[in-house]
Amino acid sequence: MVTWPITAEQFINEKFITEVLRIGVQVGSKEWGYHDKEDRLVIRREKVADAVLRLMAGGDAAAEMKRRAREYATLAKTAVEGGSSYTDVEALIEELRVRQNMFN
């Protein structure tokens, strides 16, 4: 993932992606700030191309980021499909079906 924070919580999200999860490459400003049309932040295409190349060209770092991203995807899917909220909703639906059949 290429990160390019502009304002607000995007900087926190970027730190999380690049430094905690370590599945992304930073592009863009290093600090939060207000940029209007006259003072907007311009990122040179070479910097964007370098970030994309780091992710797409392969190498150990890119392979490790992809491996981690796949691992997090599996964990997220498990949390949704096998998590407590999922199980609780399934149990509620089953209970409602049982009760509906009692009255039919």
PDB file of N, CA and C in Angstrom:
ATOM      1  N   MET A   1       0.851  -1.163   0.000  1.00  0.00           N
ATOM      2  CA  MET A   1       0.000   0.000   0.000  1.00  0.00           C
ATOM      3  C   MET A   1       0.901   1.232   0.000  1.00  0.00           C
ATOM      4  N   VAL A   2       0.586   2.170  -0.839  1.00  0.00           N
ATOM      5  CA  VAL A   2       1.291   3.447  -0.856  1.00  0.00           C
ATOM      6  C   VAL A   2       0.456   4.435  -0.055  1.00  0.00           C
ATOM      7  N   THR A   3       1.057   5.061   0.951  1.00  0.00           N
ATOM      8  CA  THR A   3       0.330   6.011   1.789  1.00  0.00           C
ATOM      9  C   THR A   3       0.690   7.437   1.398  1.00  0.00           C
ATOM     10  N   TRP A   4      -0.310   8.311   1.435  1.00  0.00           N
ATOM     11  CA  TRP A   4      -0.130   9.710   1.046  1.00  0.00           C
ATOM     12  C   TRP A   4      -1.048  10.564   1.904  1.00  0.00           C
ATOM     13  N   PRO A   5      -0.703  10.773   3.168  1.00  0.00           N
ATOM     14  CA  PRO A   5      -1.588  11.533   4.048  1.00  0.00           C
ATOM     15  C   PRO A   5      -1.624  13.004   3.669  1.00  0.00           C
ATOM     16  N   ILE A   6      -2.774  13.606   3.860  1.00  0.00           N
ATOM     17  CA  ILE A   6      -2.927  15.025   3.558  1.00  0.00           C
ATOM     18  C   ILE A   6      -3.346  15.793   4.811  1.00  0.00           C
ATOM     19  N   THR A   7      -4.298  15.235   5.560  1.00  0.00           N
ATOM     20  CA  THR A   7      -4.809  15.968   6.718  1.00  0.00           C
ATOM     21  C   THR A   7      -5.426  15.009   7.730  1.00  0.00           C
ATOM     22  N   ALA A   8      -5.728  15.536   8.883  1.00  0.00           N
ATOM     23  CA  ALA A   8      -6.472  14.861   9.944  1.00  0.00           C
ATOM     24  C   ALA A   8      -5.864  13.521  10.335  1.00  0.00           C
ATOM     25  N   GLU A   9      -6.719  12.498  10.475  1.00  0.00           N
ATOM     26  CA  GLU A   9      -6.262  11.200  10.971  1.00  0.00           C
ATOM     27  C   GLU A   9      -5.479  10.399   9.945  1.00  0.00           C
ATOM     28  N   GLN A  10      -5.351  10.901   8.736  1.00  0.00           N
ATOM     29  CA  GLN A  10      -4.608  10.173   7.705  1.00  0.00           C
ATOM     30  C   GLN A  10      -3.155   9.950   8.121  1.00  0.00           C
ATOM     31  N   PHE A  11      -2.590  10.864   8.909  1.00  0.00           N
ATOM     32  CA  PHE A  11      -1.211  10.703   9.368  1.00  0.00           C
ATOM     33  C   PHE A  11      -1.104   9.559  10.374  1.00  0.00           C
ATOM     34  N   ILE A  12      -2.107   9.426  11.218  1.00  0.00           N
ATOM     35  CA  ILE A  12      -2.133   8.316  12.176  1.00  0.00           C
ATOM     36  C   ILE A  12      -2.303   7.003  11.426  1.00  0.00           C
ATOM     37  N   ASN A  13      -3.206   6.979  10.458  1.00  0.00           N
ATOM     38  CA  ASN A  13      -3.404   5.770   9.650  1.00  0.00           C
ATOM     39  C   ASN A  13      -2.126   5.388   8.930  1.00  0.00           C
ATOM     40  N   GLU A  14      -1.413   6.389   8.405  1.00  0.00           N
ATOM     41  CA  GLU A  14      -0.163   6.108   7.701  1.00  0.00           C
ATOM     42  C   GLU A  14       0.865   5.475   8.631  1.00  0.00           C
ATOM     43  N   LYS A  15       1.031   6.023   9.825  1.00  0.00           N
ATOM     44  CA  LYS A  15       1.979   5.452  10.793  1.00  0.00           C
ATOM     45  C   LYS A  15       1.593   4.012  11.114  1.00  0.00           C
ATOM     46  N   PHE A  16       0.307   3.772  11.266  1.00  0.00           N
ATOM     47  CA  PHE A  16      -0.159   2.421  11.567  1.00  0.00           C
ATOM     48  C   PHE A  16       0.186   1.460  10.429  1.00  0.00           C
ATOM     49  N   ILE A  17      -0.065   1.878   9.193  1.00  0.00           N
ATOM     50  CA  ILE A  17       0.200   1.032   8.023  1.00  0.00           C
ATOM     51  C   ILE A  17       1.691   0.810   7.818  1.00  0.00           C
ATOM     52  N   THR A  18       2.491   1.888   7.924  1.00  0.00           N
ATOM     53  CA  THR A  18       3.912   1.787   7.577  1.00  0.00           C
ATOM     54  C   THR A  18       4.801   1.330   8.722  1.00  0.00           C
ATOM     55  N   GLU A  19       4.466   1.694   9.969  1.00  0.00           N
ATOM     56  CA  GLU A  19       5.362   1.385  11.083  1.00  0.00           C
ATOM     57  C   GLU A  19       4.869   0.270  11.995  1.00  0.00           C
ATOM     58  N   VAL A  20       3.565   0.139  12.148  1.00  0.00           N
ATOM     59  CA  VAL A  20       3.036  -0.908  13.030  1.00  0.00           C
ATOM     60  C   VAL A  20       2.786  -2.189  12.239  1.00  0.00           C
ATOM     61  N   LEU A  21       1.920  -2.110  11.224  1.00  0.00           N
ATOM     62  CA  LEU A  21       1.637  -3.294  10.406  1.00  0.00           C
ATOM     63  C   LEU A  21       2.766  -3.597   9.428  1.00  0.00           C
ATOM     64  N   ARG A  22       3.487  -2.568   9.033  1.00  0.00           N
ATOM     65  CA  ARG A  22       4.608  -2.680   8.086  1.00  0.00           C
ATOM     66  C   ARG A  22       4.178  -3.328   6.765  1.00  0.00           C
ATOM     67  N   ILE A  23       3.091  -2.772   6.195  1.00  0.00           N
ATOM     68  CA  ILE A  23       2.599  -3.277   4.908  1.00  0.00           C
ATOM     69  C   ILE A  23       2.479  -2.154   3.883  1.00  0.00           C
ATOM     70  N   GLY A  24       3.177  -1.043   4.116  1.00  0.00           N
ATOM     71  CA  GLY A  24       3.053   0.081   3.199  1.00  0.00           C
ATOM     72  C   GLY A  24       4.316   0.898   3.080  1.00  0.00           C
ATOM     73  N   VAL A  25       4.316   1.762   2.072  1.00  0.00           N
ATOM     74  CA  VAL A  25       5.433   2.656   1.788  1.00  0.00           C
ATOM     75  C   VAL A  25       4.906   4.082   1.828  1.00  0.00           C
ATOM     76  N   GLN A  26       5.635   4.955   2.510  1.00  0.00           N
ATOM     77  CA  GLN A  26       5.208   6.338   2.683  1.00  0.00           C
ATOM     78  C   GLN A  26       5.557   7.199   1.476  1.00  0.00           C
ATOM     79  N   VAL A  27       4.606   8.024   1.092  1.00  0.00           N
ATOM     80  CA  VAL A  27       4.798   9.058   0.076  1.00  0.00           C
ATOM     81  C   VAL A  27       4.074  10.279   0.613  1.00  0.00           C
ATOM     82  N   GLY A  28       4.597  11.444   0.395  1.00  0.00           N
ATOM     83  CA  GLY A  28       3.864  12.638   0.804  1.00  0.00           C
ATOM     84  C   GLY A  28       4.480  13.349   1.969  1.00  0.00           C
ATOM     85  N   SER A  29       3.683  14.209   2.571  1.00  0.00           N
ATOM     86  CA  SER A  29       4.194  15.071   3.629  1.00  0.00           C
ATOM     87  C   SER A  29       4.494  14.281   4.886  1.00  0.00           C
ATOM     88  N   LYS A  30       5.396  14.815   5.667  1.00  0.00           N
ATOM     89  CA  LYS A  30       5.821  14.168   6.906  1.00  0.00           C
ATOM     90  C   LYS A  30       5.078  14.717   8.120  1.00  0.00           C
ATOM     91  N   GLU A  31       4.373  15.831   7.951  1.00  0.00           N
ATOM     92  CA  GLU A  31       3.665  16.423   9.076  1.00  0.00           C
ATOM     93  C   GLU A  31       2.318  16.972   8.633  1.00  0.00           C
ATOM     94  N   TRP A  32       1.410  17.040   9.599  1.00  0.00           N
ATOM     95  CA  TRP A  32       0.080  17.542   9.321  1.00  0.00           C
ATOM     96  C   TRP A  32       0.145  19.032   9.058  1.00  0.00           C
ATOM     97  N   GLY A  33      -0.682  19.498   8.154  1.00  0.00           N
ATOM     98  CA  GLY A  33      -0.740  20.925   7.883  1.00  0.00           C
ATOM     99  C   GLY A  33      -1.921  21.242   6.992  1.00  0.00           C
ATOM    100  N   TYR A  34      -2.274  22.502   6.932  1.00  0.00           N
ATOM    101  CA  TYR A  34      -3.368  22.944   6.080  1.00  0.00           C
ATOM    102  C   TYR A  34      -2.778  23.419   4.767  1.00  0.00           C
ATOM    103  N   HIS A  35      -3.270  22.882   3.676  1.00  0.00           N
ATOM    104  CA  HIS A  35      -2.778  23.259   2.356  1.00  0.00           C
ATOM    105  C   HIS A  35      -3.966  23.697   1.508  1.00  0.00           C
ATOM    106  N   ASP A  36      -4.017  24.990   1.163  1.00  0.00           N
ATOM    107  CA  ASP A  36      -5.079  25.434   0.271  1.00  0.00           C
ATOM    108  C   ASP A  36      -4.596  25.329  -1.171  1.00  0.00           C
ATOM    109  N   LYS A  37      -5.390  25.802  -2.108  1.00  0.00           N
ATOM    110  CA  LYS A  37      -5.048  25.645  -3.526  1.00  0.00           C
ATOM    111  C   LYS A  37      -3.733  26.321  -3.891  1.00  0.00           C
ATOM    112  N   GLU A  38      -3.428  27.449  -3.258  1.00  0.00           N
ATOM    113  CA  GLU A  38      -2.185  28.142  -3.577  1.00  0.00           C
ATOM    114  C   GLU A  38      -0.976  27.480  -2.929  1.00  0.00           C
ATOM    115  N   ASP A  39      -1.206  26.777  -1.847  1.00  0.00           N
ATOM    116  CA  ASP A  39      -0.101  26.209  -1.071  1.00  0.00           C
ATOM    117  C   ASP A  39      -0.250  24.696  -0.940  1.00  0.00           C
ATOM    118  N   ARG A  40      -0.705  24.051  -1.976  1.00  0.00           N
ATOM    119  CA  ARG A  40      -0.931  22.616  -1.850  1.00  0.00           C
ATOM    120  C   ARG A  40       0.381  21.842  -1.988  1.00  0.00           C
ATOM    121  N   LEU A  41       0.383  20.697  -1.385  1.00  0.00           N
ATOM    122  CA  LEU A  41       1.556  19.844  -1.381  1.00  0.00           C
ATOM    123  C   LEU A  41       1.664  19.121  -2.717  1.00  0.00           C
ATOM    124  N   VAL A  42       2.811  19.223  -3.336  1.00  0.00           N
ATOM    125  CA  VAL A  42       3.033  18.554  -4.617  1.00  0.00           C
ATOM    126  C   VAL A  42       4.064  17.461  -4.403  1.00  0.00           C
ATOM    127  N   ILE A  43       3.725  16.277  -4.811  1.00  0.00           N
ATOM    128  CA  ILE A  43       4.639  15.145  -4.731  1.00  0.00           C
ATOM    129  C   ILE A  43       5.125  14.861  -6.141  1.00  0.00           C
ATOM    130  N   ARG A  44       6.411  14.817  -6.296  1.00  0.00           N
ATOM    131  CA  ARG A  44       6.986  14.588  -7.618  1.00  0.00           C
ATOM    132  C   ARG A  44       6.716  13.160  -8.068  1.00  0.00           C
ATOM    133  N   ARG A  45       6.497  12.995  -9.354  1.00  0.00           N
ATOM    134  CA  ARG A  45       6.168  11.676  -9.901  1.00  0.00           C
ATOM    135  C   ARG A  45       7.270  10.666  -9.648  1.00  0.00           C
ATOM    136  N   GLU A  46       8.507  11.115  -9.556  1.00  0.00           N
ATOM    137  CA  GLU A  46       9.617  10.193  -9.281  1.00  0.00           C
ATOM    138  C   GLU A  46       9.467   9.544  -7.905  1.00  0.00           C
ATOM    139  N   LYS A  47       8.977  10.314  -6.943  1.00  0.00           N
ATOM    140  CA  LYS A  47       8.781   9.771  -5.597  1.00  0.00           C
ATOM    141  C   LYS A  47       7.661   8.730  -5.588  1.00  0.00           C
ATOM    142  N   VAL A  48       6.592   9.018  -6.303  1.00  0.00           N
ATOM    143  CA  VAL A  48       5.487   8.058  -6.407  1.00  0.00           C
ATOM    144  C   VAL A  48       5.953   6.814  -7.153  1.00  0.00           C
ATOM    145  N   ALA A  49       6.673   7.015  -8.255  1.00  0.00           N
ATOM    146  CA  ALA A  49       7.172   5.879  -9.038  1.00  0.00           C
ATOM    147  C   ALA A  49       8.107   5.016  -8.204  1.00  0.00           C
ATOM    148  N   ASP A  50       8.957   5.644  -7.395  1.00  0.00           N
ATOM    149  CA  ASP A  50       9.875   4.893  -6.536  1.00  0.00           C
ATOM    150  C   ASP A  50       9.109   4.040  -5.526  1.00  0.00           C
ATOM    151  N   ALA A  51       8.074   4.611  -4.927  1.00  0.00           N
ATOM    152  CA  ALA A  51       7.276   3.868  -3.947  1.00  0.00           C
ATOM    153  C   ALA A  51       6.565   2.690  -4.598  1.00  0.00           C
ATOM    154  N   VAL A  52       5.974   2.912  -5.754  1.00  0.00           N
ATOM    155  CA  VAL A  52       5.280   1.830  -6.463  1.00  0.00           C
ATOM    156  C   VAL A  52       6.273   0.752  -6.877  1.00  0.00           C
ATOM    157  N   LEU A  53       7.430   1.163  -7.349  1.00  0.00           N
ATOM    158  CA  LEU A  53       8.463   0.204  -7.754  1.00  0.00           C
ATOM    159  C   LEU A  53       8.930  -0.639  -6.572  1.00  0.00           C
ATOM    160  N   ARG A  54       9.082  -0.005  -5.415  1.00  0.00           N
ATOM    161  CA  ARG A  54       9.492  -0.750  -4.214  1.00  0.00           C
ATOM    162  C   ARG A  54       8.485  -1.842  -3.870  1.00  0.00           C
ATOM    163  N   LEU A  55       7.209  -1.560  -4.124  1.00  0.00           N
ATOM    164  CA  LEU A  55       6.168  -2.539  -3.811  1.00  0.00           C
ATOM    165  C   LEU A  55       5.995  -3.592  -4.901  1.00  0.00           C
ATOM    166  N   MET A  56       6.123  -3.192  -6.145  1.00  0.00           N
ATOM    167  CA  MET A  56       5.795  -4.082  -7.260  1.00  0.00           C
ATOM    168  C   MET A  56       6.983  -4.856  -7.830  1.00  0.00           C
ATOM    169  N   ALA A  57       8.185  -4.351  -7.655  1.00  0.00           N
ATOM    170  CA  ALA A  57       9.346  -4.966  -8.298  1.00  0.00           C
ATOM    171  C   ALA A  57       9.809  -6.233  -7.600  1.00  0.00           C
ATOM    172  N   GLY A  58       9.321  -6.463  -6.428  1.00  0.00           N
ATOM    173  CA  GLY A  58       9.744  -7.652  -5.709  1.00  0.00           C
ATOM    174  C   GLY A  58      10.823  -7.318  -4.704  1.00  0.00           C
ATOM    175  N   GLY A  59      11.660  -8.276  -4.432  1.00  0.00           N
ATOM    176  CA  GLY A  59      12.671  -8.085  -3.402  1.00  0.00           C
ATOM    177  C   GLY A  59      12.148  -8.555  -2.065  1.00  0.00           C
ATOM    178  N   ASP A  60      13.064  -8.671  -1.120  1.00  0.00           N
ATOM    179  CA  ASP A  60      12.709  -9.203   0.193  1.00  0.00           C
ATOM    180  C   ASP A  60      11.712  -8.319   0.943  1.00  0.00           C
ATOM    181  N   ALA A  61      11.921  -7.007   0.905  1.00  0.00           N
ATOM    182  CA  ALA A  61      11.030  -6.103   1.645  1.00  0.00           C
ATOM    183  C   ALA A  61       9.607  -6.157   1.097  1.00  0.00           C
ATOM    184  N   ALA A  62       9.474  -6.135  -0.221  1.00  0.00           N
ATOM    185  CA  ALA A  62       8.143  -6.193  -0.835  1.00  0.00           C
ATOM    186  C   ALA A  62       7.477  -7.536  -0.560  1.00  0.00           C
ATOM    187  N   ALA A  63       8.246  -8.604  -0.649  1.00  0.00           N
ATOM    188  CA  ALA A  63       7.696  -9.938  -0.379  1.00  0.00           C
ATOM    189  C   ALA A  63       7.213 -10.047   1.060  1.00  0.00           C
ATOM    190  N   GLU A  64       7.964  -9.462   1.982  1.00  0.00           N
ATOM    191  CA  GLU A  64       7.567  -9.501   3.390  1.00  0.00           C
ATOM    192  C   GLU A  64       6.304  -8.679   3.628  1.00  0.00           C
ATOM    193  N   MET A  65       6.185  -7.526   2.972  1.00  0.00           N
ATOM    194  CA  MET A  65       4.962  -6.720   3.099  1.00  0.00           C
ATOM    195  C   MET A  65       3.758  -7.484   2.560  1.00  0.00           C
ATOM    196  N   LYS A  66       3.922  -8.139   1.432  1.00  0.00           N
ATOM    197  CA  LYS A  66       2.820  -8.913   0.840  1.00  0.00           C
ATOM    198  C   LYS A  66       2.439 -10.080   1.737  1.00  0.00           C
ATOM    199  N   ARG A  67       3.447 -10.737   2.318  1.00  0.00           N
ATOM    200  CA  ARG A  67       3.176 -11.862   3.216  1.00  0.00           C
ATOM    201  C   ARG A  67       2.375 -11.383   4.428  1.00  0.00           C
ATOM    202  N   ARG A  68       2.822 -10.270   5.008  1.00  0.00           N
ATOM    203  CA  ARG A  68       2.119  -9.718   6.159  1.00  0.00           C
ATOM    204  C   ARG A  68       0.694  -9.303   5.798  1.00  0.00           C
ATOM    205  N   ALA A  69       0.515  -8.678   4.642  1.00  0.00           N
ATOM    206  CA  ALA A  69      -0.824  -8.249   4.213  1.00  0.00           C
ATOM    207  C   ALA A  69      -1.748  -9.451   4.063  1.00  0.00           C
ATOM    208  N   ARG A  70      -1.242 -10.536   3.496  1.00  0.00           N
ATOM    209  CA  ARG A  70      -2.056 -11.762   3.367  1.00  0.00           C
ATOM    210  C   ARG A  70      -2.413 -12.321   4.744  1.00  0.00           C
ATOM    211  N   GLU A  71      -1.463 -12.277   5.660  1.00  0.00           N
ATOM    212  CA  GLU A  71      -1.706 -12.769   7.014  1.00  0.00           C
ATOM    213  C   GLU A  71      -2.792 -11.935   7.701  1.00  0.00           C
ATOM    214  N   TYR A  72      -2.712 -10.615   7.578  1.00  0.00           N
ATOM    215  CA  TYR A  72      -3.732  -9.744   8.170  1.00  0.00           C
ATOM    216  C   TYR A  72      -5.089  -9.953   7.509  1.00  0.00           C
ATOM    217  N   ALA A  73      -5.103 -10.218   6.213  1.00  0.00           N
ATOM    218  CA  ALA A  73      -6.365 -10.485   5.513  1.00  0.00           C
ATOM    219  C   ALA A  73      -7.022 -11.741   6.067  1.00  0.00           C
ATOM    220  N   THR A  74      -6.219 -12.771   6.305  1.00  0.00           N
ATOM    221  CA  THR A  74      -6.737 -14.014   6.879  1.00  0.00           C
ATOM    222  C   THR A  74      -7.289 -13.770   8.278  1.00  0.00           C
ATOM    223  N   LEU A  75      -6.553 -13.014   9.088  1.00  0.00           N
ATOM    224  CA  LEU A  75      -7.016 -12.709  10.444  1.00  0.00           C
ATOM    225  C   LEU A  75      -8.317 -11.907  10.419  1.00  0.00           C
ATOM    226  N   ALA A  76      -8.416 -10.958   9.508  1.00  0.00           N
ATOM    227  CA  ALA A  76      -9.634 -10.147   9.409  1.00  0.00           C
ATOM    228  C   ALA A  76     -10.820 -11.001   8.991  1.00  0.00           C
ATOM    229  N   LYS A  77     -10.597 -11.896   8.032  1.00  0.00           N
ATOM    230  CA  LYS A  77     -11.675 -12.768   7.574  1.00  0.00           C
ATOM    231  C   LYS A  77     -12.137 -13.681   8.704  1.00  0.00           C
ATOM    232  N   THR A  78     -11.199 -14.201   9.470  1.00  0.00           N
ATOM    233  CA  THR A  78     -11.538 -15.056  10.604  1.00  0.00           C
ATOM    234  C   THR A  78     -12.327 -14.277  11.645  1.00  0.00           C
ATOM    235  N   ALA A  79     -11.924 -13.037  11.880  1.00  0.00           N
ATOM    236  CA  ALA A  79     -12.628 -12.214  12.868  1.00  0.00           C
ATOM    237  C   ALA A  79     -14.068 -11.986  12.449  1.00  0.00           C
ATOM    238  N   VAL A  80     -14.303 -11.849  11.162  1.00  0.00           N
ATOM    239  CA  VAL A  80     -15.660 -11.618  10.676  1.00  0.00           C
ATOM    240  C   VAL A  80     -16.446 -12.918  10.655  1.00  0.00           C
ATOM    241  N   GLU A  81     -15.911 -13.940   9.999  1.00  0.00           N
ATOM    242  CA  GLU A  81     -16.666 -15.181   9.816  1.00  0.00           C
ATOM    243  C   GLU A  81     -16.702 -16.060  11.056  1.00  0.00           C
ATOM    244  N   GLY A  82     -15.675 -16.022  11.872  1.00  0.00           N
ATOM    245  CA  GLY A  82     -15.649 -16.898  13.036  1.00  0.00           C
ATOM    246  C   GLY A  82     -15.651 -16.150  14.345  1.00  0.00           C
ATOM    247  N   GLY A  83     -15.776 -14.855  14.277  1.00  0.00           N
ATOM    248  CA  GLY A  83     -15.710 -14.029  15.474  1.00  0.00           C
ATOM    249  C   GLY A  83     -16.967 -14.103  16.317  1.00  0.00           C
ATOM    250  N   SER A  84     -16.884 -13.518  17.497  1.00  0.00           N
ATOM    251  CA  SER A  84     -17.999 -13.596  18.441  1.00  0.00           C
ATOM    252  C   SER A  84     -19.247 -12.884  17.921  1.00  0.00           C
ATOM    253  N   SER A  85     -19.080 -11.757  17.253  1.00  0.00           N
ATOM    254  CA  SER A  85     -20.257 -11.054  16.719  1.00  0.00           C
ATOM    255  C   SER A  85     -20.954 -11.896  15.664  1.00  0.00           C
ATOM    256  N   TYR A  86     -20.169 -12.500  14.789  1.00  0.00           N
ATOM    257  CA  TYR A  86     -20.715 -13.360  13.742  1.00  0.00           C
ATOM    258  C   TYR A  86     -21.462 -14.535  14.371  1.00  0.00           C
ATOM    259  N   THR A  87     -20.839 -15.170  15.343  1.00  0.00           N
ATOM    260  CA  THR A  87     -21.444 -16.321  16.016  1.00  0.00           C
ATOM    261  C   THR A  87     -22.718 -15.913  16.756  1.00  0.00           C
ATOM    262  N   ASP A  88     -22.683 -14.762  17.415  1.00  0.00           N
ATOM    263  CA  ASP A  88     -23.863 -14.289  18.145  1.00  0.00           C
ATOM    264  C   ASP A  88     -25.030 -13.997  17.207  1.00  0.00           C
ATOM    265  N   VAL A  89     -24.761 -13.390  16.060  1.00  0.00           N
ATOM    266  CA  VAL A  89     -25.831 -13.109  15.094  1.00  0.00           C
ATOM    267  C   VAL A  89     -26.397 -14.413  14.544  1.00  0.00           C
ATOM    268  N   GLU A  90     -25.517 -15.374  14.246  1.00  0.00           N
ATOM    269  CA  GLU A  90     -25.999 -16.679  13.779  1.00  0.00           C
ATOM    270  C   GLU A  90     -26.888 -17.337  14.826  1.00  0.00           C
ATOM    271  N   ALA A  91     -26.483 -17.272  16.095  1.00  0.00           N
ATOM    272  CA  ALA A  91     -27.277 -17.862  17.174  1.00  0.00           C
ATOM    273  C   ALA A  91     -28.628 -17.160  17.301  1.00  0.00           C
ATOM    274  N   LEU A  92     -28.650 -15.847  17.165  1.00  0.00           N
ATOM    275  CA  LEU A  92     -29.903 -15.099  17.226  1.00  0.00           C
ATOM    276  C   LEU A  92     -30.837 -15.508  16.096  1.00  0.00           C
ATOM    277  N   ILE A  93     -30.310 -15.601  14.892  1.00  0.00           N
ATOM    278  CA  ILE A  93     -31.130 -16.001  13.741  1.00  0.00           C
ATOM    279  C   ILE A  93     -31.697 -17.397  13.955  1.00  0.00           C
ATOM    280  N   GLU A  94     -30.875 -18.307  14.440  1.00  0.00           N
ATOM    281  CA  GLU A  94     -31.345 -19.676  14.690  1.00  0.00           C
ATOM    282  C   GLU A  94     -32.429 -19.688  15.767  1.00  0.00           C
ATOM    283  N   GLU A  95     -32.244 -18.904  16.822  1.00  0.00           N
ATOM    284  CA  GLU A  95     -33.244 -18.817  17.893  1.00  0.00           C
ATOM    285  C   GLU A  95     -34.562 -18.265  17.355  1.00  0.00           C
ATOM    286  N   LEU A  96     -34.500 -17.257  16.502  1.00  0.00           N
ATOM    287  CA  LEU A  96     -35.715 -16.699  15.907  1.00  0.00           C
ATOM    288  C   LEU A  96     -36.415 -17.716  15.022  1.00  0.00           C
ATOM    289  N   ARG A  97     -35.655 -18.511  14.284  1.00  0.00           N
ATOM    290  CA  ARG A  97     -36.254 -19.561  13.444  1.00  0.00           C
ATOM    291  C   ARG A  97     -36.962 -20.604  14.298  1.00  0.00           C
ATOM    292  N   VAL A  98     -36.324 -21.000  15.384  1.00  0.00           N
ATOM    293  CA  VAL A  98     -36.924 -21.994  16.282  1.00  0.00           C
ATOM    294  C   VAL A  98     -38.226 -21.446  16.862  1.00  0.00           C
ATOM    295  N   ARG A  99     -38.198 -20.222  17.317  1.00  0.00           N
ATOM    296  CA  ARG A  99     -39.401 -19.623  17.909  1.00  0.00           C
ATOM    297  C   ARG A  99     -40.504 -19.437  16.868  1.00  0.00           C
ATOM    298  N   GLN A 100     -40.126 -19.102  15.644  1.00  0.00           N
ATOM    299  CA  GLN A 100     -41.113 -18.945  14.576  1.00  0.00           C
ATOM    300  C   GLN A 100     -41.789 -20.291  14.307  1.00  0.00           C
ATOM    301  N   ASN A 101     -41.019 -21.352  14.278  1.00  0.00           N
ATOM    302  CA  ASN A 101     -41.571 -22.690  14.028  1.00  0.00           C
ATOM    303  C   ASN A 101     -42.484 -23.145  15.163  1.00  0.00           C
ATOM    304  N   MET A 102     -42.250 -22.644  16.373  1.00  0.00           N
ATOM    305  CA  MET A 102     -43.100 -23.007  17.502  1.00  0.00           C
ATOM    306  C   MET A 102     -44.520 -22.479  17.311  1.00  0.00           C
ATOM    307  N   PHE A 103     -44.662 -21.370  16.615  1.00  0.00           N
ATOM    308  CA  PHE A 103     -45.971 -20.743  16.442  1.00  0.00           C
ATOM    309  C   PHE A 103     -46.628 -21.087  15.114  1.00  0.00           C
ATOM    310  N   ASN A 104     -45.969 -21.842  14.277  1.00  0.00           N
ATOM    311  CA  ASN A 104     -46.550 -22.226  12.982  1.00  0.00           C
ATOM    312  C   ASN A 104     -47.133 -23.596  13.017  1.00  0.00           C
TER     313      ASN A 104
END
